[in-house]
Amino acid sequence: MVQFRVMTESPLGILIAVIAAVFIGRMWWQDFSDARKGTPNPKALPGATPSSIKLILIGIIGAVLLTALETIGELALGISGEQKNISVLFLGAMLAAALLEEIIFRGYIVITNRGRTALIASILGASLVFALAHDFLWQFSMPEGAPWWQFWQGLSANFTLKGWFSFGFVFLASLFFYGLRFHPKNVHRSLLPCFAAHAAKNIAVFLIKLAQGHVAGLY
């Protein structure tokens, strides 16, 4: 079997992710600055609006607590050792994801202005897609000599306790991020609390992996 790594696990993939995040982030920040000046861009990226510091702090604290709870659960179930090893450089991809994934999922992939039922249904559906997009319940490894276009040959299920457990916590994290975006106190539907919470969670995950010996090498 030939094991393929996810693109963002390679130095080139990480660089591409970081460049994309910087490019999109600068666009979002410009829209955010225009909104603060009272001259909002009618075609602004989603959530490019101000937020209270209190809600940002709530997002950070909540994300760290959620990560701590996940870690305690892994230790209690004896599955902590089944974590995937990552590199130091992979932190760059994790931070890039904190911005890009929030703009895509909490920004675009949600139904607004169609009532509460449509909003909640879209949040649940998008959170399911968000969790499935993370490779906890599946893995990809192509058989030796298989043509690249038959990519389905490399897909296989990974319905282990660790897989379901991590999948569940990613789903919960997504619900938490959506909760920050559409909380009544977030009157402008800003993505700032979501960015902060997602970044805090990914940094916490990295530090926990580092402490547990799952950060292997620079790249």
N, C-alpha and C. Protein backbone atom coordinates (compact mmCIF):
# COMPACT_ATOMS: atom_id res chain seq x y z
N MET A 1 0.84 -1.19 0.00
CA MET A 1 0.00 0.00 0.00
C MET A 1 0.88 1.25 0.00
N VAL A 2 0.46 2.26 -0.74
CA VAL A 2 1.15 3.55 -0.74
C VAL A 2 0.34 4.52 0.08
N GLN A 3 0.88 5.00 1.17
CA GLN A 3 0.17 5.91 2.06
C GLN A 3 0.35 7.34 1.59
N PHE A 4 -0.75 8.04 1.31
CA PHE A 4 -0.70 9.43 0.89
C PHE A 4 -1.03 10.33 2.07
N ARG A 5 -0.24 11.36 2.24
CA ARG A 5 -0.50 12.32 3.30
C ARG A 5 -1.43 13.40 2.79
N VAL A 6 -2.24 13.93 3.68
CA VAL A 6 -3.10 15.06 3.32
C VAL A 6 -2.21 16.21 2.86
N MET A 7 -2.70 16.96 1.89
CA MET A 7 -1.88 18.03 1.29
C MET A 7 -1.30 18.97 2.33
N THR A 8 -2.09 19.36 3.30
CA THR A 8 -1.62 20.34 4.28
C THR A 8 -0.64 19.75 5.29
N GLU A 9 -0.29 18.46 5.16
CA GLU A 9 0.72 17.88 6.03
C GLU A 9 2.10 17.99 5.41
N SER A 10 2.21 18.42 4.17
CA SER A 10 3.49 18.61 3.50
C SER A 10 3.91 20.06 3.63
N PRO A 11 5.22 20.35 3.64
CA PRO A 11 5.65 21.74 3.73
C PRO A 11 5.05 22.62 2.64
N LEU A 12 4.95 22.10 1.40
CA LEU A 12 4.37 22.88 0.31
C LEU A 12 2.89 23.14 0.57
N GLY A 13 2.19 22.12 1.03
CA GLY A 13 0.77 22.28 1.32
C GLY A 13 0.54 23.28 2.44
N ILE A 14 1.38 23.23 3.46
CA ILE A 14 1.26 24.17 4.58
C ILE A 14 1.50 25.59 4.09
N LEU A 15 2.51 25.77 3.22
CA LEU A 15 2.81 27.09 2.67
C LEU A 15 1.64 27.63 1.87
N ILE A 16 1.04 26.78 1.06
CA ILE A 16 -0.11 27.20 0.26
C ILE A 16 -1.27 27.62 1.17
N ALA A 17 -1.52 26.83 2.24
CA ALA A 17 -2.60 27.14 3.16
C ALA A 17 -2.35 28.47 3.86
N VAL A 18 -1.12 28.71 4.27
CA VAL A 18 -0.80 29.96 4.97
C VAL A 18 -0.93 31.16 4.03
N ILE A 19 -0.45 31.01 2.79
CA ILE A 19 -0.56 32.10 1.82
C ILE A 19 -2.02 32.41 1.54
N ALA A 20 -2.83 31.37 1.38
CA ALA A 20 -4.26 31.57 1.14
C ALA A 20 -4.91 32.29 2.31
N ALA A 21 -4.53 31.90 3.54
CA ALA A 21 -5.11 32.53 4.73
C ALA A 21 -4.70 33.99 4.83
N VAL A 22 -3.45 34.29 4.51
CA VAL A 22 -2.98 35.68 4.55
C VAL A 22 -3.71 36.52 3.51
N PHE A 23 -3.86 35.98 2.31
CA PHE A 23 -4.53 36.70 1.23
C PHE A 23 -6.00 36.98 1.57
N ILE A 24 -6.73 35.93 1.97
CA ILE A 24 -8.14 36.09 2.32
C ILE A 24 -8.29 36.93 3.58
N GLY A 25 -7.35 36.73 4.53
CA GLY A 25 -7.40 37.49 5.77
C GLY A 25 -7.25 38.99 5.54
N ARG A 26 -6.38 39.37 4.62
CA ARG A 26 -6.21 40.79 4.30
C ARG A 26 -7.48 41.36 3.68
N MET A 27 -8.14 40.59 2.82
CA MET A 27 -9.40 41.04 2.23
C MET A 27 -10.46 41.22 3.32
N TRP A 28 -10.53 40.25 4.23
CA TRP A 28 -11.52 40.32 5.31
C TRP A 28 -11.23 41.53 6.20
N TRP A 29 -9.97 41.76 6.51
CA TRP A 29 -9.61 42.88 7.39
C TRP A 29 -9.93 44.21 6.75
N GLN A 30 -9.76 44.32 5.45
CA GLN A 30 -10.11 45.56 4.76
C GLN A 30 -11.61 45.80 4.84
N ASP A 31 -12.39 44.74 4.64
CA ASP A 31 -13.84 44.87 4.78
C ASP A 31 -14.22 45.23 6.22
N PHE A 32 -13.52 44.64 7.17
CA PHE A 32 -13.76 44.93 8.58
C PHE A 32 -13.46 46.40 8.89
N SER A 33 -12.34 46.90 8.37
CA SER A 33 -11.96 48.29 8.59
C SER A 33 -12.97 49.24 7.97
N ASP A 34 -13.47 48.90 6.78
CA ASP A 34 -14.48 49.74 6.14
C ASP A 34 -15.76 49.79 6.98
N ALA A 35 -16.13 48.63 7.54
CA ALA A 35 -17.34 48.58 8.37
C ALA A 35 -17.19 49.45 9.61
N ARG A 36 -16.02 49.43 10.22
CA ARG A 36 -15.78 50.23 11.42
C ARG A 36 -15.78 51.73 11.10
N LYS A 37 -15.39 52.09 9.88
CA LYS A 37 -15.38 53.50 9.49
C LYS A 37 -16.76 54.00 9.09
N GLY A 38 -17.72 53.09 9.04
CA GLY A 38 -19.07 53.48 8.64
C GLY A 38 -19.29 53.48 7.15
N THR A 39 -18.36 52.89 6.40
CA THR A 39 -18.50 52.79 4.93
C THR A 39 -18.38 51.33 4.52
N PRO A 40 -19.35 50.50 4.94
CA PRO A 40 -19.25 49.06 4.66
C PRO A 40 -19.28 48.73 3.18
N ASN A 41 -18.51 47.73 2.81
CA ASN A 41 -18.47 47.23 1.44
C ASN A 41 -19.69 46.35 1.21
N PRO A 42 -20.54 46.67 0.23
CA PRO A 42 -21.74 45.86 0.00
C PRO A 42 -21.42 44.42 -0.41
N LYS A 43 -20.20 44.20 -0.88
CA LYS A 43 -19.78 42.85 -1.27
C LYS A 43 -18.73 42.31 -0.29
N ALA A 44 -18.81 42.73 0.95
CA ALA A 44 -17.83 42.33 1.96
C ALA A 44 -17.90 40.83 2.24
N LEU A 45 -16.77 40.30 2.67
CA LEU A 45 -16.74 38.91 3.11
C LEU A 45 -17.61 38.77 4.35
N PRO A 46 -18.15 37.59 4.62
CA PRO A 46 -19.08 37.44 5.75
C PRO A 46 -18.42 37.70 7.09
N GLY A 47 -19.19 38.29 7.99
CA GLY A 47 -18.74 38.49 9.36
C GLY A 47 -17.66 39.52 9.54
N ALA A 48 -17.41 40.36 8.52
CA ALA A 48 -16.37 41.39 8.63
C ALA A 48 -16.92 42.60 9.37
N THR A 49 -17.30 42.39 10.61
CA THR A 49 -17.94 43.41 11.43
C THR A 49 -17.37 43.35 12.85
N PRO A 50 -17.55 44.42 13.62
CA PRO A 50 -16.99 44.44 14.98
C PRO A 50 -17.70 43.47 15.92
N SER A 51 -17.00 43.14 17.00
CA SER A 51 -17.56 42.29 18.05
C SER A 51 -17.04 42.78 19.40
N SER A 52 -17.76 42.44 20.45
CA SER A 52 -17.32 42.83 21.78
C SER A 52 -16.14 41.97 22.24
N ILE A 53 -15.26 42.57 23.02
CA ILE A 53 -14.12 41.84 23.57
C ILE A 53 -14.62 40.70 24.47
N LYS A 54 -15.70 40.93 25.18
CA LYS A 54 -16.25 39.92 26.09
C LYS A 54 -16.61 38.64 25.33
N LEU A 55 -17.26 38.78 24.18
CA LEU A 55 -17.66 37.60 23.42
C LEU A 55 -16.43 36.89 22.84
N ILE A 56 -15.42 37.65 22.46
CA ILE A 56 -14.18 37.05 21.97
C ILE A 56 -13.53 36.23 23.07
N LEU A 57 -13.48 36.78 24.28
CA LEU A 57 -12.89 36.05 25.41
C LEU A 57 -13.71 34.81 25.76
N ILE A 58 -15.02 34.92 25.68
CA ILE A 58 -15.88 33.76 25.93
C ILE A 58 -15.56 32.66 24.91
N GLY A 59 -15.36 33.06 23.65
CA GLY A 59 -15.02 32.09 22.62
C GLY A 59 -13.70 31.39 22.91
N ILE A 60 -12.69 32.15 23.30
CA ILE A 60 -11.38 31.57 23.60
C ILE A 60 -11.45 30.62 24.78
N ILE A 61 -12.07 31.07 25.86
CA ILE A 61 -12.17 30.23 27.06
C ILE A 61 -13.00 28.98 26.79
N GLY A 62 -14.11 29.14 26.09
CA GLY A 62 -14.95 28.00 25.79
C GLY A 62 -14.25 26.98 24.93
N ALA A 63 -13.47 27.44 23.94
CA ALA A 63 -12.75 26.53 23.05
C ALA A 63 -11.68 25.75 23.81
N VAL A 64 -10.97 26.43 24.70
CA VAL A 64 -9.93 25.77 25.49
C VAL A 64 -10.56 24.73 26.43
N LEU A 65 -11.67 25.08 27.06
CA LEU A 65 -12.35 24.14 27.94
C LEU A 65 -12.86 22.93 27.17
N LEU A 66 -13.37 23.15 25.97
CA LEU A 66 -13.84 22.04 25.14
C LEU A 66 -12.69 21.11 24.78
N THR A 67 -11.54 21.68 24.46
CA THR A 67 -10.37 20.88 24.14
C THR A 67 -9.87 20.11 25.37
N ALA A 68 -9.92 20.76 26.53
CA ALA A 68 -9.52 20.08 27.76
C ALA A 68 -10.44 18.90 28.06
N LEU A 69 -11.74 19.10 27.85
CA LEU A 69 -12.70 18.03 28.08
C LEU A 69 -12.45 16.87 27.12
N GLU A 70 -12.12 17.18 25.88
CA GLU A 70 -11.82 16.13 24.90
C GLU A 70 -10.58 15.34 25.33
N THR A 71 -9.56 16.05 25.80
CA THR A 71 -8.33 15.39 26.24
C THR A 71 -8.58 14.48 27.44
N ILE A 72 -9.36 14.98 28.39
CA ILE A 72 -9.71 14.17 29.57
C ILE A 72 -10.47 12.92 29.14
N GLY A 73 -11.38 13.08 28.19
CA GLY A 73 -12.14 11.94 27.69
C GLY A 73 -11.25 10.91 27.02
N GLU A 74 -10.29 11.35 26.23
CA GLU A 74 -9.36 10.43 25.58
C GLU A 74 -8.54 9.66 26.60
N LEU A 75 -8.11 10.34 27.63
CA LEU A 75 -7.33 9.68 28.68
C LEU A 75 -8.18 8.66 29.43
N ALA A 76 -9.43 9.04 29.73
CA ALA A 76 -10.32 8.15 30.46
C ALA A 76 -10.65 6.90 29.65
N LEU A 77 -10.78 7.05 28.33
CA LEU A 77 -11.12 5.93 27.46
C LEU A 77 -9.90 5.13 27.01
N GLY A 78 -8.71 5.65 27.33
CA GLY A 78 -7.48 4.95 26.95
C GLY A 78 -7.16 5.03 25.47
N ILE A 79 -7.61 6.08 24.82
CA ILE A 79 -7.37 6.21 23.38
C ILE A 79 -6.45 7.38 23.05
N SER A 80 -5.86 7.97 24.07
CA SER A 80 -4.99 9.13 23.85
C SER A 80 -3.80 8.78 22.96
N GLY A 81 -3.30 7.57 23.10
CA GLY A 81 -2.13 7.15 22.32
C GLY A 81 -2.42 6.94 20.85
N GLU A 82 -3.69 6.97 20.46
CA GLU A 82 -4.06 6.75 19.06
C GLU A 82 -4.08 8.04 18.25
N GLN A 83 -3.63 9.13 18.85
CA GLN A 83 -3.59 10.40 18.13
C GLN A 83 -2.60 10.33 16.97
N LYS A 84 -2.85 11.14 15.96
CA LYS A 84 -1.94 11.24 14.83
C LYS A 84 -0.79 12.16 15.18
N ASN A 85 0.40 11.81 14.73
CA ASN A 85 1.55 12.68 14.91
C ASN A 85 1.50 13.81 13.89
N ILE A 86 1.92 14.98 14.29
CA ILE A 86 2.00 16.12 13.39
C ILE A 86 3.38 16.74 13.51
N SER A 87 3.70 17.64 12.58
CA SER A 87 4.98 18.33 12.62
C SER A 87 4.81 19.71 13.24
N VAL A 88 5.93 20.34 13.55
CA VAL A 88 5.90 21.70 14.08
C VAL A 88 5.30 22.65 13.05
N LEU A 89 5.69 22.47 11.79
CA LEU A 89 5.17 23.34 10.74
C LEU A 89 3.67 23.21 10.54
N PHE A 90 3.11 22.07 10.94
CA PHE A 90 1.68 21.85 10.76
C PHE A 90 0.86 22.86 11.55
N LEU A 91 1.47 23.49 12.56
CA LEU A 91 0.78 24.53 13.31
C LEU A 91 0.36 25.66 12.37
N GLY A 92 1.17 25.91 11.33
CA GLY A 92 0.81 26.94 10.37
C GLY A 92 -0.49 26.62 9.66
N ALA A 93 -0.65 25.35 9.27
CA ALA A 93 -1.89 24.92 8.61
C ALA A 93 -3.07 25.00 9.58
N MET A 94 -2.83 24.70 10.85
CA MET A 94 -3.89 24.75 11.85
C MET A 94 -4.38 26.18 12.05
N LEU A 95 -3.46 27.13 12.06
CA LEU A 95 -3.85 28.53 12.23
C LEU A 95 -4.52 29.07 10.96
N ALA A 96 -4.03 28.62 9.80
CA ALA A 96 -4.69 29.01 8.55
C ALA A 96 -6.12 28.51 8.51
N ALA A 97 -6.31 27.28 9.01
CA ALA A 97 -7.66 26.68 9.03
C ALA A 97 -8.59 27.48 9.93
N ALA A 98 -8.06 28.06 10.99
CA ALA A 98 -8.89 28.83 11.92
C ALA A 98 -9.55 30.00 11.21
N LEU A 99 -8.92 30.53 10.18
CA LEU A 99 -9.50 31.63 9.43
C LEU A 99 -10.32 31.13 8.24
N LEU A 100 -9.71 30.28 7.43
CA LEU A 100 -10.37 29.84 6.21
C LEU A 100 -11.63 29.03 6.48
N GLU A 101 -11.57 28.11 7.43
CA GLU A 101 -12.73 27.28 7.73
C GLU A 101 -13.87 28.10 8.32
N GLU A 102 -13.54 29.11 9.11
CA GLU A 102 -14.59 29.93 9.69
C GLU A 102 -15.30 30.77 8.62
N ILE A 103 -14.53 31.33 7.69
CA ILE A 103 -15.16 32.10 6.62
C ILE A 103 -16.06 31.20 5.77
N ILE A 104 -15.59 29.99 5.48
CA ILE A 104 -16.37 29.08 4.64
C ILE A 104 -17.59 28.55 5.38
N PHE A 105 -17.38 27.96 6.56
CA PHE A 105 -18.48 27.29 7.24
C PHE A 105 -19.35 28.25 8.04
N ARG A 106 -18.78 29.00 8.97
CA ARG A 106 -19.58 29.90 9.77
C ARG A 106 -20.01 31.14 8.99
N GLY A 107 -19.30 31.43 7.86
CA GLY A 107 -19.66 32.58 7.06
C GLY A 107 -20.64 32.28 5.95
N TYR A 108 -20.26 31.34 5.08
CA TYR A 108 -21.06 31.08 3.88
C TYR A 108 -22.03 29.91 4.03
N ILE A 109 -21.59 28.82 4.65
CA ILE A 109 -22.42 27.61 4.67
C ILE A 109 -23.39 27.66 5.85
N VAL A 110 -24.37 28.52 5.73
CA VAL A 110 -25.41 28.66 6.73
C VAL A 110 -26.56 29.43 6.11
N ILE A 111 -27.77 29.10 6.47
CA ILE A 111 -28.95 29.76 5.91
C ILE A 111 -29.44 30.82 6.89
N THR A 112 -29.39 32.06 6.49
CA THR A 112 -29.85 33.16 7.33
C THR A 112 -31.06 33.83 6.67
N ASN A 113 -31.75 34.62 7.45
CA ASN A 113 -32.91 35.39 6.97
C ASN A 113 -34.03 34.52 6.43
N ARG A 114 -34.07 33.25 6.87
CA ARG A 114 -35.16 32.36 6.46
C ARG A 114 -35.88 31.78 7.68
N GLY A 115 -35.63 32.38 8.84
CA GLY A 115 -36.28 31.90 10.05
C GLY A 115 -35.37 31.03 10.89
N ARG A 116 -35.80 30.83 12.14
CA ARG A 116 -35.00 30.10 13.12
C ARG A 116 -34.83 28.62 12.75
N THR A 117 -35.90 28.01 12.23
CA THR A 117 -35.83 26.59 11.88
C THR A 117 -34.79 26.34 10.79
N ALA A 118 -34.80 27.16 9.75
CA ALA A 118 -33.84 27.01 8.66
C ALA A 118 -32.42 27.26 9.16
N LEU A 119 -32.25 28.22 10.06
CA LEU A 119 -30.93 28.52 10.61
C LEU A 119 -30.39 27.32 11.38
N ILE A 120 -31.20 26.78 12.29
CA ILE A 120 -30.75 25.65 13.11
C ILE A 120 -30.48 24.42 12.25
N ALA A 121 -31.36 24.15 11.28
CA ALA A 121 -31.17 23.00 10.41
C ALA A 121 -29.87 23.12 9.61
N SER A 122 -29.59 24.32 9.11
CA SER A 122 -28.37 24.53 8.33
C SER A 122 -27.13 24.41 9.22
N ILE A 123 -27.23 24.87 10.46
CA ILE A 123 -26.11 24.76 11.39
C ILE A 123 -25.80 23.29 11.68
N LEU A 124 -26.84 22.50 11.92
CA LEU A 124 -26.64 21.07 12.18
C LEU A 124 -26.07 20.36 10.96
N GLY A 125 -26.62 20.67 9.79
CA GLY A 125 -26.13 20.04 8.57
C GLY A 125 -24.71 20.43 8.24
N ALA A 126 -24.40 21.71 8.36
CA ALA A 126 -23.05 22.18 8.06
C ALA A 126 -22.04 21.64 9.07
N SER A 127 -22.46 21.50 10.32
CA SER A 127 -21.56 20.95 11.34
C SER A 127 -21.26 19.48 11.07
N LEU A 128 -22.25 18.76 10.54
CA LEU A 128 -22.03 17.37 10.16
C LEU A 128 -21.01 17.29 9.03
N VAL A 129 -21.17 18.15 8.03
CA VAL A 129 -20.22 18.18 6.91
C VAL A 129 -18.83 18.58 7.41
N PHE A 130 -18.78 19.56 8.31
CA PHE A 130 -17.51 20.02 8.87
C PHE A 130 -16.79 18.88 9.59
N ALA A 131 -17.53 18.10 10.38
CA ALA A 131 -16.92 16.99 11.10
C ALA A 131 -16.48 15.89 10.14
N LEU A 132 -17.29 15.61 9.11
CA LEU A 132 -16.94 14.57 8.14
C LEU A 132 -15.72 14.97 7.31
N ALA A 133 -15.51 16.27 7.13
CA ALA A 133 -14.37 16.74 6.34
C ALA A 133 -13.04 16.45 7.04
N HIS A 134 -13.08 16.26 8.35
CA HIS A 134 -11.88 15.88 9.09
C HIS A 134 -11.74 14.35 9.07
N ASP A 135 -10.54 13.88 8.79
CA ASP A 135 -10.35 12.45 8.53
C ASP A 135 -10.25 11.62 9.82
N PHE A 136 -11.36 11.57 10.55
CA PHE A 136 -11.42 10.73 11.74
C PHE A 136 -12.18 9.43 11.48
N LEU A 137 -13.21 9.49 10.64
CA LEU A 137 -14.00 8.29 10.34
C LEU A 137 -13.60 7.65 9.02
N TRP A 138 -12.58 8.16 8.38
CA TRP A 138 -12.12 7.60 7.12
C TRP A 138 -10.62 7.80 6.98
N GLN A 139 -10.02 7.05 6.09
CA GLN A 139 -8.60 7.23 5.80
C GLN A 139 -8.37 6.97 4.31
N PHE A 140 -7.26 7.45 3.81
CA PHE A 140 -6.99 7.37 2.39
C PHE A 140 -5.60 6.80 2.15
N SER A 141 -5.53 5.66 1.49
CA SER A 141 -4.25 5.05 1.12
C SER A 141 -4.46 4.26 -0.16
N MET A 142 -3.76 4.66 -1.21
CA MET A 142 -3.93 4.04 -2.54
C MET A 142 -3.15 2.73 -2.64
N PRO A 143 -3.76 1.70 -3.23
CA PRO A 143 -3.03 0.46 -3.49
C PRO A 143 -1.88 0.70 -4.46
N GLU A 144 -0.79 -0.03 -4.30
CA GLU A 144 0.37 0.10 -5.17
C GLU A 144 -0.04 -0.16 -6.61
N GLY A 145 0.30 0.79 -7.50
CA GLY A 145 0.04 0.61 -8.91
C GLY A 145 -1.35 1.02 -9.38
N ALA A 146 -2.21 1.40 -8.47
CA ALA A 146 -3.57 1.81 -8.85
C ALA A 146 -3.52 3.16 -9.55
N PRO A 147 -4.28 3.35 -10.64
CA PRO A 147 -4.29 4.65 -11.32
C PRO A 147 -4.90 5.72 -10.42
N TRP A 148 -4.38 6.94 -10.54
CA TRP A 148 -4.79 8.02 -9.64
C TRP A 148 -6.27 8.33 -9.75
N TRP A 149 -6.84 8.14 -10.97
CA TRP A 149 -8.24 8.53 -11.16
C TRP A 149 -9.20 7.56 -10.47
N GLN A 150 -8.70 6.40 -10.05
CA GLN A 150 -9.53 5.48 -9.28
C GLN A 150 -9.30 5.72 -7.78
N PHE A 151 -9.44 6.98 -7.39
CA PHE A 151 -9.12 7.39 -6.02
C PHE A 151 -9.98 6.69 -4.98
N TRP A 152 -11.17 6.25 -5.39
CA TRP A 152 -12.07 5.60 -4.42
C TRP A 152 -11.49 4.30 -3.87
N GLN A 153 -10.51 3.73 -4.60
CA GLN A 153 -9.89 2.50 -4.10
C GLN A 153 -9.09 2.75 -2.82
N GLY A 154 -8.70 4.00 -2.62
CA GLY A 154 -7.90 4.31 -1.44
C GLY A 154 -8.70 4.70 -0.22
N LEU A 155 -10.02 4.87 -0.39
CA LEU A 155 -10.86 5.28 0.74
C LEU A 155 -11.31 4.06 1.55
N SER A 156 -11.24 4.18 2.85
CA SER A 156 -11.72 3.12 3.73
C SER A 156 -12.26 3.73 5.01
N ALA A 157 -13.19 3.02 5.63
CA ALA A 157 -13.81 3.52 6.86
C ALA A 157 -12.87 3.32 8.05
N ASN A 158 -13.05 4.17 9.04
CA ASN A 158 -12.24 4.09 10.26
C ASN A 158 -13.17 4.24 11.46
N PHE A 159 -14.12 3.30 11.57
CA PHE A 159 -15.14 3.39 12.61
C PHE A 159 -14.64 2.81 13.93
N THR A 160 -13.60 3.45 14.46
CA THR A 160 -13.05 3.04 15.75
C THR A 160 -13.60 3.95 16.84
N LEU A 161 -13.37 3.57 18.09
CA LEU A 161 -13.80 4.41 19.21
C LEU A 161 -13.15 5.78 19.12
N LYS A 162 -11.85 5.81 18.83
CA LYS A 162 -11.14 7.09 18.70
C LYS A 162 -11.72 7.91 17.55
N GLY A 163 -12.03 7.25 16.43
CA GLY A 163 -12.58 7.95 15.30
C GLY A 163 -13.91 8.61 15.62
N TRP A 164 -14.82 7.85 16.23
CA TRP A 164 -16.13 8.39 16.58
C TRP A 164 -16.02 9.47 17.65
N PHE A 165 -15.11 9.27 18.61
CA PHE A 165 -14.95 10.23 19.70
C PHE A 165 -14.46 11.57 19.16
N SER A 166 -13.43 11.55 18.31
CA SER A 166 -12.89 12.79 17.76
C SER A 166 -13.89 13.44 16.82
N PHE A 167 -14.60 12.63 16.04
CA PHE A 167 -15.64 13.14 15.15
C PHE A 167 -16.70 13.90 15.95
N GLY A 168 -17.11 13.31 17.07
CA GLY A 168 -18.13 13.94 17.91
C GLY A 168 -17.68 15.27 18.46
N PHE A 169 -16.43 15.38 18.87
CA PHE A 169 -15.95 16.64 19.43
C PHE A 169 -15.75 17.70 18.36
N VAL A 170 -15.40 17.30 17.15
CA VAL A 170 -15.32 18.29 16.06
C VAL A 170 -16.72 18.82 15.76
N PHE A 171 -17.71 17.94 15.80
CA PHE A 171 -19.10 18.35 15.59
C PHE A 171 -19.53 19.34 16.68
N LEU A 172 -19.19 19.04 17.93
CA LEU A 172 -19.53 19.94 19.03
C LEU A 172 -18.81 21.29 18.90
N ALA A 173 -17.55 21.24 18.49
CA ALA A 173 -16.80 22.48 18.30
C ALA A 173 -17.45 23.35 17.23
N SER A 174 -17.92 22.71 16.15
CA SER A 174 -18.59 23.46 15.09
C SER A 174 -19.86 24.12 15.62
N LEU A 175 -20.63 23.40 16.42
CA LEU A 175 -21.84 23.99 17.01
C LEU A 175 -21.48 25.18 17.90
N PHE A 176 -20.40 25.06 18.62
CA PHE A 176 -19.95 26.15 19.49
C PHE A 176 -19.57 27.38 18.66
N PHE A 177 -18.84 27.16 17.57
CA PHE A 177 -18.45 28.28 16.71
C PHE A 177 -19.67 28.96 16.10
N TYR A 178 -20.63 28.15 15.66
CA TYR A 178 -21.87 28.74 15.12
C TYR A 178 -22.62 29.50 16.22
N GLY A 179 -22.59 28.96 17.43
CA GLY A 179 -23.24 29.62 18.55
C GLY A 179 -22.66 31.00 18.80
N LEU A 180 -21.35 31.13 18.64
CA LEU A 180 -20.71 32.44 18.81
C LEU A 180 -21.15 33.41 17.72
N ARG A 181 -21.24 32.92 16.50
CA ARG A 181 -21.62 33.80 15.38
C ARG A 181 -23.05 34.32 15.53
N PHE A 182 -23.94 33.44 15.99
CA PHE A 182 -25.36 33.83 16.02
C PHE A 182 -25.89 34.06 17.43
N HIS A 183 -24.98 34.27 18.37
CA HIS A 183 -25.39 34.61 19.73
C HIS A 183 -26.06 35.99 19.72
N PRO A 184 -27.12 36.15 20.52
CA PRO A 184 -27.80 37.46 20.56
C PRO A 184 -26.87 38.62 20.88
N LYS A 185 -25.82 38.37 21.66
CA LYS A 185 -24.88 39.44 21.99
C LYS A 185 -23.98 39.82 20.81
N ASN A 186 -23.91 38.93 19.82
CA ASN A 186 -23.12 39.24 18.63
C ASN A 186 -24.04 39.92 17.62
N VAL A 187 -24.37 41.16 17.91
CA VAL A 187 -25.42 41.87 17.17
C VAL A 187 -25.06 42.08 15.70
N HIS A 188 -23.76 42.14 15.38
CA HIS A 188 -23.33 42.36 14.00
C HIS A 188 -22.95 41.06 13.30
N ARG A 189 -23.18 39.92 13.97
CA ARG A 189 -22.85 38.61 13.40
C ARG A 189 -21.38 38.54 12.97
N SER A 190 -20.53 39.09 13.80
CA SER A 190 -19.10 39.12 13.50
C SER A 190 -18.48 37.72 13.59
N LEU A 191 -17.46 37.50 12.75
CA LEU A 191 -16.70 36.24 12.79
C LEU A 191 -15.50 36.33 13.73
N LEU A 192 -15.25 37.50 14.28
CA LEU A 192 -14.08 37.64 15.17
C LEU A 192 -14.09 36.64 16.32
N PRO A 193 -15.22 36.44 17.05
CA PRO A 193 -15.21 35.44 18.13
C PRO A 193 -14.95 34.03 17.60
N CYS A 194 -15.42 33.75 16.39
CA CYS A 194 -15.20 32.43 15.79
C CYS A 194 -13.73 32.23 15.45
N PHE A 195 -13.12 33.25 14.85
CA PHE A 195 -11.69 33.17 14.55
C PHE A 195 -10.88 32.91 15.82
N ALA A 196 -11.17 33.69 16.86
CA ALA A 196 -10.42 33.59 18.11
C ALA A 196 -10.61 32.21 18.76
N ALA A 197 -11.85 31.73 18.77
CA ALA A 197 -12.14 30.44 19.39
C ALA A 197 -11.48 29.30 18.62
N HIS A 198 -11.57 29.33 17.30
CA HIS A 198 -10.99 28.27 16.48
C HIS A 198 -9.47 28.27 16.61
N ALA A 199 -8.86 29.44 16.59
CA ALA A 199 -7.41 29.53 16.75
C ALA A 199 -6.99 29.04 18.12
N ALA A 200 -7.72 29.41 19.16
CA ALA A 200 -7.40 28.98 20.52
C ALA A 200 -7.50 27.46 20.63
N LYS A 201 -8.53 26.88 20.02
CA LYS A 201 -8.69 25.42 20.07
C LYS A 201 -7.54 24.72 19.37
N ASN A 202 -7.16 25.21 18.18
CA ASN A 202 -6.09 24.55 17.44
C ASN A 202 -4.74 24.70 18.13
N ILE A 203 -4.51 25.86 18.74
CA ILE A 203 -3.26 26.03 19.50
C ILE A 203 -3.25 25.10 20.71
N ALA A 204 -4.39 24.98 21.38
CA ALA A 204 -4.48 24.08 22.53
C ALA A 204 -4.22 22.64 22.12
N VAL A 205 -4.79 22.23 20.98
CA VAL A 205 -4.56 20.88 20.46
C VAL A 205 -3.08 20.66 20.19
N PHE A 206 -2.44 21.64 19.56
CA PHE A 206 -1.02 21.52 19.26
C PHE A 206 -0.19 21.38 20.53
N LEU A 207 -0.48 22.20 21.54
CA LEU A 207 0.28 22.16 22.79
C LEU A 207 0.07 20.83 23.51
N ILE A 208 -1.14 20.30 23.47
CA ILE A 208 -1.41 19.00 24.10
C ILE A 208 -0.66 17.90 23.37
N LYS A 209 -0.68 17.93 22.05
CA LYS A 209 0.07 16.94 21.27
C LYS A 209 1.57 17.04 21.58
N LEU A 210 2.06 18.27 21.70
CA LEU A 210 3.47 18.49 22.01
C LEU A 210 3.81 17.89 23.37
N ALA A 211 2.94 18.12 24.36
CA ALA A 211 3.19 17.60 25.70
C ALA A 211 3.11 16.07 25.75
N GLN A 212 2.30 15.49 24.88
CA GLN A 212 2.11 14.03 24.87
C GLN A 212 3.06 13.32 23.90
N GLY A 213 3.93 14.06 23.26
CA GLY A 213 4.91 13.45 22.36
C GLY A 213 4.39 13.14 20.97
N HIS A 214 3.34 13.84 20.53
CA HIS A 214 2.78 13.58 19.21
C HIS A 214 3.16 14.65 18.18
N VAL A 215 4.13 15.51 18.53
CA VAL A 215 4.69 16.44 17.56
C VAL A 215 6.06 15.92 17.19
N ALA A 216 6.15 15.44 15.96
CA ALA A 216 7.37 14.72 15.54
C ALA A 216 8.09 15.49 14.45
N GLY A 217 9.14 16.21 14.81
CA GLY A 217 9.98 16.87 13.82
C GLY A 217 9.47 18.21 13.37
N LEU A 218 10.32 18.90 12.61
CA LEU A 218 9.97 20.22 12.11
C LEU A 218 8.92 20.14 11.01
N TYR A 219 9.06 19.14 10.13
CA TYR A 219 8.08 18.96 9.04
C TYR A 219 8.01 17.49 8.65
